[in-house]
Amino acid sequence: MKNRLLWQVLFSVLSLVVLSGCATSPPKNQENLCDIFREYPDWYDDALDMQDAFGVPIQISMAFMKQESAYVGDAKPPRYYALGFIPWGRVSSAYGYAQAQDPVWSEYQDQVSSWSSRSDFGDAIMFIGWYIDGSQKTLGISKWDAYSQYLAYHEGRGGFKRKSYTRKPNLLKVARRVDQTAKNYGWQLKQCKAELDSNRSWFF
C-alpha cells in the first residue's frame, strides 16, 4: 500500500514537471507580429481559424492578447494584500492568455466550446474573437475599431454602455496603445502574409 502511494506521488510530481516543461514561452519579439508567427506557426493557424469563425481581424485579437497577458499562458492578475502585506486573493478571476474572467469564460464554453482552456492559445484567441463579435452585434462597435472594442472588452458591455471608461483616464491611454499596436500589427502582417501562407502549404 505504501509503495503504491509512493508511486502515485512520484507520477504526479513527474507529470507536473513534464507539463511545466512543455509550457510555451512568450514570443521573443512581441512588437512584430511577423516574428511572433514565425516563432509560433501554429499560432498563425489558430488566428486564421478565429478570423474565419468570427470575422475579427487577426491584428486586433493579437493586440488584445499582447496587452492582456503579454502572451503568458498562465497569467493572473495581482493579489490583494490585507494590511498591506498578507496575501488575500486576486484582484479578479481573470486568467490565461486572454485574461478572461470566470463568468464570461463559462458563457463562452456554453456557447462555443465546453472543453476549452484559458491557458491554450487557440482557445484564448477564439474567445477574444467571440467576444469582439458579440460586442459588434450588441453594441454596434465595428470589429475594426480596436479602441472601442478594447474598452468594451475591459469594462464589459454593460460598463461600456454606461461609459464607465470616461472616469478612467489610464484605461483610455491603454486603449489607445492597443489601437496603435493593432495598427502596427496590421501593417506588419501585410508584409509577411504571403510568406506565412506559403509556409502553411507544407502542412495543408
N, C-alpha and C. Protein backbone atom coordinates (compact mmCIF):
# COMPACT_ATOMS: atom_id res chain seq x y z
N MET A 1 0.83 -1.20 0.00
CA MET A 1 0.00 0.00 0.00
C MET A 1 0.88 1.26 0.00
N LYS A 2 1.92 1.23 0.85
CA LYS A 2 2.82 2.40 0.92
C LYS A 2 3.55 2.60 -0.41
N ASN A 3 3.98 1.47 -1.00
CA ASN A 3 4.69 1.56 -2.28
C ASN A 3 3.79 2.12 -3.37
N ARG A 4 2.54 1.69 -3.36
CA ARG A 4 1.58 2.18 -4.35
C ARG A 4 1.37 3.68 -4.20
N LEU A 5 1.21 4.13 -2.96
CA LEU A 5 1.02 5.56 -2.69
C LEU A 5 2.25 6.35 -3.11
N LEU A 6 3.43 5.79 -2.86
CA LEU A 6 4.67 6.46 -3.24
C LEU A 6 4.75 6.63 -4.76
N TRP A 7 4.39 5.56 -5.49
CA TRP A 7 4.42 5.65 -6.96
C TRP A 7 3.42 6.67 -7.48
N GLN A 8 2.27 6.76 -6.84
CA GLN A 8 1.26 7.73 -7.26
C GLN A 8 1.78 9.16 -7.07
N VAL A 9 2.45 9.39 -5.95
CA VAL A 9 3.01 10.71 -5.68
C VAL A 9 4.10 11.04 -6.69
N LEU A 10 4.98 10.07 -6.95
CA LEU A 10 6.06 10.29 -7.91
C LEU A 10 5.51 10.57 -9.30
N PHE A 11 4.47 9.84 -9.68
CA PHE A 11 3.87 10.04 -11.00
C PHE A 11 3.27 11.44 -11.11
N SER A 12 2.61 11.90 -10.05
CA SER A 12 2.01 13.25 -10.06
C SER A 12 3.08 14.32 -10.18
N VAL A 13 4.18 14.14 -9.44
CA VAL A 13 5.27 15.12 -9.49
C VAL A 13 5.89 15.16 -10.88
N LEU A 14 6.15 13.98 -11.45
CA LEU A 14 6.74 13.91 -12.78
C LEU A 14 5.81 14.52 -13.83
N SER A 15 4.52 14.30 -13.69
CA SER A 15 3.55 14.87 -14.63
C SER A 15 3.60 16.39 -14.59
N LEU A 16 3.69 16.95 -13.39
CA LEU A 16 3.75 18.40 -13.26
C LEU A 16 5.03 18.94 -13.89
N VAL A 17 6.14 18.23 -13.69
CA VAL A 17 7.41 18.66 -14.28
C VAL A 17 7.34 18.65 -15.79
N VAL A 18 6.77 17.60 -16.35
CA VAL A 18 6.66 17.49 -17.81
C VAL A 18 5.76 18.58 -18.36
N LEU A 19 4.63 18.80 -17.71
CA LEU A 19 3.71 19.83 -18.18
C LEU A 19 4.32 21.21 -18.11
N SER A 20 5.03 21.50 -17.03
CA SER A 20 5.64 22.82 -16.90
C SER A 20 6.74 23.00 -17.94
N GLY A 21 7.43 21.91 -18.27
CA GLY A 21 8.48 21.98 -19.27
C GLY A 21 7.93 22.21 -20.66
N CYS A 22 6.66 21.82 -20.88
CA CYS A 22 6.03 21.97 -22.20
C CYS A 22 5.34 23.33 -22.36
N ALA A 23 5.30 24.12 -21.31
CA ALA A 23 4.63 25.41 -21.40
C ALA A 23 5.30 26.28 -22.46
N THR A 24 4.48 26.98 -23.24
CA THR A 24 5.00 27.82 -24.31
C THR A 24 5.51 29.14 -23.75
N SER A 25 6.74 29.46 -24.04
CA SER A 25 7.30 30.74 -23.59
C SER A 25 6.72 31.88 -24.42
N PRO A 26 6.61 33.07 -23.85
CA PRO A 26 6.14 34.23 -24.63
C PRO A 26 7.07 34.48 -25.82
N PRO A 27 6.55 35.02 -26.91
CA PRO A 27 7.39 35.32 -28.08
C PRO A 27 8.55 36.23 -27.72
N LYS A 28 9.67 36.03 -28.40
CA LYS A 28 10.86 36.83 -28.10
C LYS A 28 10.69 38.29 -28.51
N ASN A 29 10.01 38.53 -29.64
CA ASN A 29 9.78 39.90 -30.11
C ASN A 29 8.28 40.16 -30.24
N GLN A 30 7.70 40.71 -29.19
CA GLN A 30 6.26 40.92 -29.16
C GLN A 30 5.83 42.16 -29.94
N GLU A 31 6.79 42.94 -30.40
CA GLU A 31 6.44 44.16 -31.13
C GLU A 31 6.22 43.91 -32.62
N ASN A 32 6.56 42.70 -33.09
CA ASN A 32 6.43 42.41 -34.51
C ASN A 32 5.61 41.14 -34.71
N LEU A 33 4.44 41.30 -35.33
CA LEU A 33 3.53 40.17 -35.50
C LEU A 33 4.12 39.10 -36.41
N CYS A 34 4.87 39.52 -37.41
CA CYS A 34 5.51 38.54 -38.29
C CYS A 34 6.47 37.65 -37.52
N ASP A 35 7.26 38.26 -36.66
CA ASP A 35 8.22 37.48 -35.85
C ASP A 35 7.49 36.54 -34.90
N ILE A 36 6.38 36.99 -34.36
CA ILE A 36 5.59 36.13 -33.46
C ILE A 36 5.12 34.88 -34.20
N PHE A 37 4.56 35.07 -35.39
CA PHE A 37 4.03 33.93 -36.14
C PHE A 37 5.15 33.07 -36.74
N ARG A 38 6.30 33.67 -37.00
CA ARG A 38 7.44 32.86 -37.46
C ARG A 38 7.92 31.96 -36.32
N GLU A 39 7.90 32.50 -35.11
CA GLU A 39 8.34 31.72 -33.96
C GLU A 39 7.34 30.64 -33.61
N TYR A 40 6.05 30.96 -33.75
CA TYR A 40 4.99 30.01 -33.42
C TYR A 40 4.01 29.90 -34.60
N PRO A 41 4.35 29.12 -35.62
CA PRO A 41 3.48 28.98 -36.80
C PRO A 41 2.08 28.47 -36.45
N ASP A 42 1.97 27.64 -35.43
CA ASP A 42 0.65 27.13 -35.03
C ASP A 42 -0.26 28.27 -34.59
N TRP A 43 0.31 29.30 -34.02
CA TRP A 43 -0.50 30.45 -33.60
C TRP A 43 -1.14 31.13 -34.81
N TYR A 44 -0.41 31.18 -35.91
CA TYR A 44 -0.99 31.78 -37.12
C TYR A 44 -2.19 30.95 -37.59
N ASP A 45 -2.06 29.62 -37.55
CA ASP A 45 -3.19 28.76 -37.91
C ASP A 45 -4.39 29.02 -37.00
N ASP A 46 -4.12 29.13 -35.70
CA ASP A 46 -5.21 29.40 -34.74
C ASP A 46 -5.85 30.77 -35.00
N ALA A 47 -5.01 31.76 -35.33
CA ALA A 47 -5.53 33.10 -35.60
C ALA A 47 -6.40 33.12 -36.85
N LEU A 48 -6.00 32.37 -37.87
CA LEU A 48 -6.81 32.27 -39.08
C LEU A 48 -8.14 31.58 -38.79
N ASP A 49 -8.12 30.55 -37.96
CA ASP A 49 -9.36 29.87 -37.58
C ASP A 49 -10.30 30.84 -36.88
N MET A 50 -9.75 31.68 -35.99
CA MET A 50 -10.56 32.67 -35.29
C MET A 50 -11.16 33.66 -36.28
N GLN A 51 -10.35 34.13 -37.22
CA GLN A 51 -10.82 35.10 -38.22
C GLN A 51 -11.91 34.50 -39.08
N ASP A 52 -11.76 33.25 -39.47
CA ASP A 52 -12.77 32.57 -40.27
C ASP A 52 -14.07 32.40 -39.48
N ALA A 53 -13.95 32.12 -38.19
CA ALA A 53 -15.13 31.85 -37.36
C ALA A 53 -15.90 33.12 -37.02
N PHE A 54 -15.20 34.23 -36.76
CA PHE A 54 -15.88 35.42 -36.24
C PHE A 54 -15.64 36.69 -37.05
N GLY A 55 -14.81 36.62 -38.08
CA GLY A 55 -14.59 37.80 -38.91
C GLY A 55 -13.83 38.92 -38.23
N VAL A 56 -13.08 38.59 -37.20
CA VAL A 56 -12.32 39.60 -36.46
C VAL A 56 -10.90 39.65 -37.02
N PRO A 57 -10.39 40.83 -37.36
CA PRO A 57 -9.02 40.93 -37.88
C PRO A 57 -8.00 40.35 -36.92
N ILE A 58 -7.08 39.59 -37.45
CA ILE A 58 -6.07 38.93 -36.63
C ILE A 58 -5.29 39.93 -35.79
N GLN A 59 -4.93 41.08 -36.41
CA GLN A 59 -4.08 42.03 -35.70
C GLN A 59 -4.77 42.61 -34.47
N ILE A 60 -6.09 42.69 -34.49
CA ILE A 60 -6.80 43.25 -33.35
C ILE A 60 -6.86 42.24 -32.20
N SER A 61 -7.16 41.01 -32.50
CA SER A 61 -7.19 40.00 -31.44
C SER A 61 -5.81 39.81 -30.83
N MET A 62 -4.77 39.88 -31.65
CA MET A 62 -3.42 39.72 -31.13
C MET A 62 -2.99 40.93 -30.30
N ALA A 63 -3.43 42.11 -30.68
CA ALA A 63 -3.13 43.31 -29.89
C ALA A 63 -3.79 43.22 -28.51
N PHE A 64 -5.02 42.69 -28.46
CA PHE A 64 -5.69 42.48 -27.19
C PHE A 64 -4.87 41.54 -26.31
N MET A 65 -4.43 40.43 -26.90
CA MET A 65 -3.71 39.43 -26.12
C MET A 65 -2.38 39.97 -25.61
N LYS A 66 -1.69 40.73 -26.44
CA LYS A 66 -0.43 41.33 -26.00
C LYS A 66 -0.66 42.22 -24.78
N GLN A 67 -1.71 43.01 -24.82
CA GLN A 67 -1.99 43.92 -23.72
C GLN A 67 -2.42 43.15 -22.46
N GLU A 68 -3.26 42.16 -22.65
CA GLU A 68 -3.84 41.47 -21.51
C GLU A 68 -2.85 40.58 -20.76
N SER A 69 -2.03 39.85 -21.49
CA SER A 69 -1.17 38.85 -20.82
C SER A 69 0.27 38.86 -21.26
N ALA A 70 0.62 39.69 -22.27
CA ALA A 70 1.96 39.64 -22.87
C ALA A 70 2.28 38.22 -23.32
N TYR A 71 1.24 37.51 -23.76
CA TYR A 71 1.37 36.15 -24.30
C TYR A 71 1.86 35.14 -23.26
N VAL A 72 1.49 35.37 -22.02
CA VAL A 72 1.80 34.41 -20.94
C VAL A 72 0.56 33.55 -20.72
N GLY A 73 0.70 32.25 -20.95
CA GLY A 73 -0.47 31.37 -20.94
C GLY A 73 -1.15 31.21 -19.60
N ASP A 74 -0.40 31.35 -18.50
CA ASP A 74 -1.00 31.18 -17.17
C ASP A 74 -1.02 32.50 -16.38
N ALA A 75 -1.11 33.61 -17.11
CA ALA A 75 -1.09 34.93 -16.47
C ALA A 75 -2.28 35.09 -15.52
N LYS A 76 -2.01 35.72 -14.38
CA LYS A 76 -3.03 36.00 -13.38
C LYS A 76 -2.94 37.47 -12.96
N PRO A 77 -4.04 38.05 -12.52
CA PRO A 77 -3.99 39.44 -12.06
C PRO A 77 -3.26 39.54 -10.71
N PRO A 78 -2.93 40.75 -10.27
CA PRO A 78 -2.23 40.92 -9.00
C PRO A 78 -3.08 40.44 -7.81
N ARG A 79 -2.42 40.20 -6.70
CA ARG A 79 -3.11 39.82 -5.47
C ARG A 79 -3.56 41.04 -4.68
N TYR A 80 -4.60 40.83 -3.87
CA TYR A 80 -4.91 41.78 -2.81
C TYR A 80 -3.99 41.48 -1.63
N TYR A 81 -3.63 42.50 -0.89
CA TYR A 81 -2.83 42.29 0.32
C TYR A 81 -3.52 42.97 1.51
N ALA A 82 -4.03 42.13 2.42
CA ALA A 82 -4.64 42.66 3.63
C ALA A 82 -3.56 43.28 4.51
N LEU A 83 -3.86 44.43 5.08
CA LEU A 83 -2.93 45.16 5.93
C LEU A 83 -1.63 45.51 5.21
N GLY A 84 -1.67 45.41 3.88
CA GLY A 84 -0.52 45.79 3.09
C GLY A 84 0.52 44.71 2.87
N PHE A 85 0.37 43.54 3.55
CA PHE A 85 1.41 42.52 3.39
C PHE A 85 0.89 41.08 3.44
N ILE A 86 -0.37 40.85 3.79
CA ILE A 86 -0.91 39.49 3.86
C ILE A 86 -1.63 39.17 2.55
N PRO A 87 -1.14 38.17 1.77
CA PRO A 87 -1.82 37.79 0.52
C PRO A 87 -3.27 37.43 0.78
N TRP A 88 -4.20 38.03 0.00
CA TRP A 88 -5.62 37.84 0.28
C TRP A 88 -6.41 37.77 -1.03
N GLY A 89 -6.16 36.72 -1.81
CA GLY A 89 -6.92 36.55 -3.04
C GLY A 89 -6.41 37.42 -4.18
N ARG A 90 -7.06 37.29 -5.33
CA ARG A 90 -6.69 38.02 -6.53
C ARG A 90 -7.63 39.19 -6.77
N VAL A 91 -7.16 40.15 -7.55
CA VAL A 91 -7.97 41.32 -7.90
C VAL A 91 -9.22 40.89 -8.65
N SER A 92 -9.10 39.87 -9.50
CA SER A 92 -10.24 39.34 -10.24
C SER A 92 -9.97 37.89 -10.58
N SER A 93 -10.94 37.23 -11.22
CA SER A 93 -10.79 35.83 -11.60
C SER A 93 -10.18 35.67 -12.99
N ALA A 94 -9.68 36.77 -13.56
CA ALA A 94 -9.07 36.72 -14.89
C ALA A 94 -7.92 35.73 -14.91
N TYR A 95 -7.78 35.03 -16.05
CA TYR A 95 -6.72 34.03 -16.15
C TYR A 95 -6.38 33.77 -17.60
N GLY A 96 -5.12 33.43 -17.86
CA GLY A 96 -4.70 32.94 -19.16
C GLY A 96 -4.36 34.01 -20.18
N TYR A 97 -4.15 33.56 -21.41
CA TYR A 97 -3.74 34.44 -22.50
C TYR A 97 -4.68 35.63 -22.67
N ALA A 98 -5.98 35.38 -22.58
CA ALA A 98 -6.97 36.43 -22.85
C ALA A 98 -7.42 37.15 -21.59
N GLN A 99 -6.94 36.70 -20.41
CA GLN A 99 -7.37 37.27 -19.13
C GLN A 99 -8.89 37.28 -19.01
N ALA A 100 -9.49 36.18 -19.45
CA ALA A 100 -10.95 36.04 -19.37
C ALA A 100 -11.35 35.72 -17.93
N GLN A 101 -12.40 36.37 -17.45
CA GLN A 101 -12.88 36.11 -16.10
C GLN A 101 -13.86 34.94 -16.09
N ASP A 102 -14.03 34.35 -14.92
CA ASP A 102 -14.82 33.12 -14.79
C ASP A 102 -16.21 33.19 -15.43
N PRO A 103 -17.04 34.22 -15.13
CA PRO A 103 -18.41 34.22 -15.66
C PRO A 103 -18.47 34.25 -17.19
N VAL A 104 -17.68 35.13 -17.81
CA VAL A 104 -17.75 35.25 -19.27
C VAL A 104 -17.09 34.04 -19.94
N TRP A 105 -16.08 33.46 -19.29
CA TRP A 105 -15.48 32.25 -19.85
C TRP A 105 -16.47 31.09 -19.82
N SER A 106 -17.25 30.99 -18.75
CA SER A 106 -18.29 29.96 -18.67
C SER A 106 -19.33 30.16 -19.77
N GLU A 107 -19.67 31.42 -20.03
CA GLU A 107 -20.61 31.73 -21.11
C GLU A 107 -20.05 31.28 -22.46
N TYR A 108 -18.77 31.57 -22.67
CA TYR A 108 -18.12 31.14 -23.91
C TYR A 108 -18.13 29.62 -24.04
N GLN A 109 -17.82 28.92 -22.95
CA GLN A 109 -17.82 27.47 -23.00
C GLN A 109 -19.20 26.91 -23.32
N ASP A 110 -20.23 27.54 -22.76
CA ASP A 110 -21.61 27.09 -23.03
C ASP A 110 -21.98 27.28 -24.50
N GLN A 111 -21.51 28.39 -25.09
CA GLN A 111 -21.92 28.73 -26.45
C GLN A 111 -21.02 28.15 -27.53
N VAL A 112 -19.73 28.00 -27.22
CA VAL A 112 -18.76 27.65 -28.28
C VAL A 112 -18.05 26.33 -28.04
N SER A 113 -17.38 26.20 -26.90
CA SER A 113 -16.55 25.01 -26.68
C SER A 113 -16.44 24.69 -25.21
N SER A 114 -17.09 23.63 -24.79
CA SER A 114 -17.11 23.28 -23.36
C SER A 114 -15.76 22.75 -22.88
N TRP A 115 -14.90 22.31 -23.81
CA TRP A 115 -13.63 21.73 -23.42
C TRP A 115 -12.47 22.71 -23.54
N SER A 116 -12.77 23.97 -23.76
CA SER A 116 -11.72 24.96 -23.98
C SER A 116 -10.98 25.29 -22.69
N SER A 117 -9.74 25.80 -22.87
CA SER A 117 -8.89 26.14 -21.73
C SER A 117 -8.32 27.55 -21.91
N ARG A 118 -8.33 28.32 -20.85
CA ARG A 118 -7.81 29.69 -20.93
C ARG A 118 -6.30 29.73 -21.10
N SER A 119 -5.62 28.63 -20.80
CA SER A 119 -4.18 28.58 -20.95
C SER A 119 -3.75 28.01 -22.31
N ASP A 120 -4.72 27.74 -23.17
CA ASP A 120 -4.45 27.27 -24.53
C ASP A 120 -4.59 28.44 -25.50
N PHE A 121 -3.55 28.71 -26.29
CA PHE A 121 -3.56 29.88 -27.17
C PHE A 121 -4.74 29.84 -28.13
N GLY A 122 -4.96 28.69 -28.77
CA GLY A 122 -6.04 28.60 -29.75
C GLY A 122 -7.40 28.89 -29.14
N ASP A 123 -7.66 28.35 -27.95
CA ASP A 123 -8.93 28.61 -27.28
C ASP A 123 -9.04 30.08 -26.87
N ALA A 124 -7.94 30.64 -26.41
CA ALA A 124 -7.96 32.02 -25.93
C ALA A 124 -8.21 33.01 -27.06
N ILE A 125 -7.57 32.81 -28.21
CA ILE A 125 -7.77 33.76 -29.30
C ILE A 125 -9.18 33.59 -29.89
N MET A 126 -9.71 32.38 -29.84
CA MET A 126 -11.08 32.16 -30.28
C MET A 126 -12.05 32.89 -29.35
N PHE A 127 -11.74 32.89 -28.06
CA PHE A 127 -12.57 33.62 -27.09
C PHE A 127 -12.58 35.11 -27.40
N ILE A 128 -11.41 35.67 -27.68
CA ILE A 128 -11.33 37.09 -27.99
C ILE A 128 -12.16 37.41 -29.23
N GLY A 129 -12.05 36.57 -30.26
CA GLY A 129 -12.85 36.78 -31.46
C GLY A 129 -14.33 36.70 -31.18
N TRP A 130 -14.72 35.73 -30.36
CA TRP A 130 -16.13 35.57 -29.98
C TRP A 130 -16.64 36.81 -29.24
N TYR A 131 -15.82 37.33 -28.34
CA TYR A 131 -16.26 38.49 -27.55
C TYR A 131 -16.38 39.73 -28.44
N ILE A 132 -15.42 39.95 -29.30
CA ILE A 132 -15.47 41.11 -30.20
C ILE A 132 -16.67 41.01 -31.12
N ASP A 133 -16.92 39.82 -31.63
CA ASP A 133 -18.09 39.60 -32.49
C ASP A 133 -19.37 39.92 -31.73
N GLY A 134 -19.44 39.50 -30.47
CA GLY A 134 -20.62 39.79 -29.65
C GLY A 134 -20.80 41.27 -29.39
N SER A 135 -19.69 41.98 -29.20
CA SER A 135 -19.77 43.43 -28.97
C SER A 135 -20.22 44.16 -30.23
N GLN A 136 -19.83 43.64 -31.38
CA GLN A 136 -20.31 44.23 -32.64
C GLN A 136 -21.81 44.04 -32.77
N LYS A 137 -22.31 42.87 -32.40
CA LYS A 137 -23.74 42.56 -32.54
C LYS A 137 -24.59 43.31 -31.53
N THR A 138 -24.11 43.43 -30.30
CA THR A 138 -24.94 44.03 -29.24
C THR A 138 -24.72 45.53 -29.07
N LEU A 139 -23.51 46.00 -29.36
CA LEU A 139 -23.20 47.41 -29.15
C LEU A 139 -22.99 48.19 -30.45
N GLY A 140 -22.89 47.47 -31.55
CA GLY A 140 -22.69 48.13 -32.83
C GLY A 140 -21.27 48.62 -33.07
N ILE A 141 -20.31 48.10 -32.30
CA ILE A 141 -18.92 48.54 -32.46
C ILE A 141 -18.29 47.76 -33.61
N SER A 142 -17.69 48.45 -34.55
CA SER A 142 -17.02 47.79 -35.67
C SER A 142 -15.93 46.85 -35.16
N LYS A 143 -15.79 45.71 -35.83
CA LYS A 143 -14.74 44.77 -35.47
C LYS A 143 -13.35 45.33 -35.79
N TRP A 144 -13.31 46.38 -36.57
CA TRP A 144 -12.03 47.02 -36.91
C TRP A 144 -11.69 48.16 -35.96
N ASP A 145 -12.59 48.49 -35.04
CA ASP A 145 -12.39 49.59 -34.09
C ASP A 145 -11.74 49.05 -32.82
N ALA A 146 -10.43 48.89 -32.85
CA ALA A 146 -9.72 48.29 -31.72
C ALA A 146 -9.90 49.11 -30.44
N TYR A 147 -9.92 50.41 -30.57
CA TYR A 147 -10.02 51.30 -29.41
C TYR A 147 -11.33 51.04 -28.64
N SER A 148 -12.45 51.16 -29.32
CA SER A 148 -13.75 50.99 -28.65
C SER A 148 -13.97 49.54 -28.24
N GLN A 149 -13.53 48.61 -29.09
CA GLN A 149 -13.70 47.20 -28.75
C GLN A 149 -12.93 46.85 -27.48
N TYR A 150 -11.74 47.42 -27.32
CA TYR A 150 -10.97 47.11 -26.13
C TYR A 150 -11.65 47.66 -24.88
N LEU A 151 -12.22 48.86 -24.98
CA LEU A 151 -12.93 49.41 -23.83
C LEU A 151 -14.10 48.51 -23.44
N ALA A 152 -14.82 47.96 -24.42
CA ALA A 152 -15.92 47.04 -24.13
C ALA A 152 -15.39 45.74 -23.54
N TYR A 153 -14.24 45.31 -24.00
CA TYR A 153 -13.63 44.08 -23.51
C TYR A 153 -13.20 44.25 -22.05
N HIS A 154 -12.60 45.38 -21.75
CA HIS A 154 -12.09 45.63 -20.40
C HIS A 154 -13.21 45.92 -19.40
N GLU A 155 -14.16 46.74 -19.80
CA GLU A 155 -15.22 47.18 -18.89
C GLU A 155 -16.45 46.28 -18.90
N GLY A 156 -16.50 45.36 -19.87
CA GLY A 156 -17.73 44.60 -20.05
C GLY A 156 -18.72 45.43 -20.86
N ARG A 157 -19.64 44.77 -21.51
CA ARG A 157 -20.56 45.51 -22.38
C ARG A 157 -21.48 46.43 -21.60
N GLY A 158 -21.86 46.01 -20.39
CA GLY A 158 -22.68 46.89 -19.55
C GLY A 158 -21.91 48.14 -19.16
N GLY A 159 -20.65 47.97 -18.77
CA GLY A 159 -19.82 49.12 -18.42
C GLY A 159 -19.61 50.04 -19.60
N PHE A 160 -19.45 49.46 -20.78
CA PHE A 160 -19.27 50.29 -21.97
C PHE A 160 -20.53 51.12 -22.24
N LYS A 161 -21.70 50.52 -22.08
CA LYS A 161 -22.96 51.25 -22.27
C LYS A 161 -23.07 52.40 -21.29
N ARG A 162 -22.61 52.17 -20.06
CA ARG A 162 -22.67 53.22 -19.03
C ARG A 162 -21.53 54.23 -19.17
N LYS A 163 -20.62 53.96 -20.10
CA LYS A 163 -19.45 54.81 -20.33
C LYS A 163 -18.59 54.94 -19.07
N SER A 164 -18.43 53.81 -18.38
CA SER A 164 -17.62 53.81 -17.17
C SER A 164 -16.17 54.19 -17.46
N TYR A 165 -15.74 53.95 -18.68
CA TYR A 165 -14.35 54.24 -19.07
C TYR A 165 -14.02 55.72 -19.04
N THR A 166 -15.03 56.58 -19.10
CA THR A 166 -14.77 58.03 -19.11
C THR A 166 -14.17 58.49 -17.78
N ARG A 167 -14.34 57.70 -16.74
CA ARG A 167 -13.79 58.05 -15.42
C ARG A 167 -12.44 57.38 -15.18
N LYS A 168 -11.87 56.79 -16.22
CA LYS A 168 -10.62 56.05 -16.07
C LYS A 168 -9.61 56.50 -17.13
N PRO A 169 -8.95 57.62 -16.89
CA PRO A 169 -8.01 58.14 -17.89
C PRO A 169 -6.88 57.17 -18.23
N ASN A 170 -6.43 56.40 -17.25
CA ASN A 170 -5.36 55.43 -17.53
C ASN A 170 -5.83 54.34 -18.49
N LEU A 171 -7.08 53.93 -18.34
CA LEU A 171 -7.65 52.93 -19.24
C LEU A 171 -7.74 53.48 -20.66
N LEU A 172 -8.09 54.74 -20.81
CA LEU A 172 -8.16 55.35 -22.13
C LEU A 172 -6.79 55.34 -22.80
N LYS A 173 -5.75 55.58 -21.99
CA LYS A 173 -4.39 55.52 -22.54
C LYS A 173 -4.05 54.10 -23.00
N VAL A 174 -4.46 53.12 -22.22
CA VAL A 174 -4.20 51.73 -22.59
C VAL A 174 -4.94 51.38 -23.88
N ALA A 175 -6.19 51.83 -23.98
CA ALA A 175 -6.97 51.55 -25.19
C ALA A 175 -6.33 52.17 -26.42
N ARG A 176 -5.77 53.36 -26.27
CA ARG A 176 -5.06 53.99 -27.40
C ARG A 176 -3.81 53.18 -27.76
N ARG A 177 -3.14 52.63 -26.74
CA ARG A 177 -1.96 51.82 -27.00
C ARG A 177 -2.34 50.54 -27.73
N VAL A 178 -3.43 49.92 -27.33
CA VAL A 178 -3.91 48.72 -28.00
C VAL A 178 -4.25 49.04 -29.46
N ASP A 179 -4.91 50.16 -29.67
CA ASP A 179 -5.26 50.57 -31.02
C ASP A 179 -4.02 50.75 -31.89
N GLN A 180 -2.99 51.37 -31.33
CA GLN A 180 -1.75 51.58 -32.09
C GLN A 180 -1.05 50.25 -32.36
N THR A 181 -1.05 49.36 -31.38
CA THR A 181 -0.46 48.04 -31.58
C THR A 181 -1.17 47.30 -32.70
N ALA A 182 -2.50 47.38 -32.71
CA ALA A 182 -3.28 46.72 -33.77
C ALA A 182 -2.92 47.29 -35.14
N LYS A 183 -2.75 48.60 -35.22
CA LYS A 183 -2.36 49.21 -36.50
C LYS A 183 -0.97 48.75 -36.93
N ASN A 184 -0.04 48.72 -35.98
CA ASN A 184 1.32 48.25 -36.30
C ASN A 184 1.29 46.79 -36.75
N TYR A 185 0.57 45.97 -36.00
CA TYR A 185 0.47 44.56 -36.35
C TYR A 185 -0.15 44.38 -37.74
N GLY A 186 -1.18 45.19 -38.03
CA GLY A 186 -1.85 45.07 -39.32
C GLY A 186 -0.91 45.38 -40.47
N TRP A 187 -0.11 46.43 -40.31
CA TRP A 187 0.85 46.79 -41.35
C TRP A 187 1.90 45.70 -41.50
N GLN A 188 2.37 45.18 -40.37
CA GLN A 188 3.39 44.12 -40.42
C GLN A 188 2.85 42.86 -41.09
N LEU A 189 1.61 42.51 -40.76
CA LEU A 189 1.03 41.29 -41.31
C LEU A 189 0.92 41.37 -42.84
N LYS A 190 0.66 42.55 -43.36
CA LYS A 190 0.60 42.72 -44.82
C LYS A 190 1.95 42.38 -45.46
N GLN A 191 3.03 42.67 -44.75
CA GLN A 191 4.37 42.45 -45.30
C GLN A 191 4.76 40.97 -45.33
N CYS A 192 4.19 40.18 -44.43
CA CYS A 192 4.64 38.79 -44.32
C CYS A 192 3.54 37.75 -44.55
N LYS A 193 2.33 38.19 -44.87
CA LYS A 193 1.22 37.24 -45.01
C LYS A 193 1.50 36.19 -46.09
N ALA A 194 2.03 36.63 -47.22
CA ALA A 194 2.32 35.67 -48.30
C ALA A 194 3.32 34.62 -47.82
N GLU A 195 4.32 35.06 -47.08
CA GLU A 195 5.32 34.14 -46.54
C GLU A 195 4.68 33.15 -45.57
N LEU A 196 3.85 33.66 -44.67
CA LEU A 196 3.21 32.80 -43.68
C LEU A 196 2.28 31.79 -44.35
N ASP A 197 1.52 32.26 -45.35
CA ASP A 197 0.61 31.36 -46.06
C ASP A 197 1.39 30.31 -46.85
N SER A 198 2.51 30.72 -47.40
CA SER A 198 3.34 29.78 -48.17
C SER A 198 3.90 28.69 -47.27
N ASN A 199 4.31 29.06 -46.08
CA ASN A 199 4.83 28.08 -45.13
C ASN A 199 3.75 27.09 -44.68
N ARG A 200 2.51 27.57 -44.63
CA ARG A 200 1.40 26.67 -44.24
C ARG A 200 1.19 25.58 -45.26
N SER A 201 1.52 25.85 -46.55
CA SER A 201 1.25 24.89 -47.61
C SER A 201 2.03 23.60 -47.44
N TRP A 202 3.09 23.63 -46.62
CA TRP A 202 3.86 22.43 -46.36
C TRP A 202 3.06 21.42 -45.54
N PHE A 203 2.05 21.94 -44.83
CA PHE A 203 1.32 21.07 -43.93
C PHE A 203 -0.13 20.84 -44.35
N PHE A 204 -0.63 21.65 -45.31
CA PHE A 204 -2.04 21.54 -45.69
C PHE A 204 -2.15 21.24 -47.17
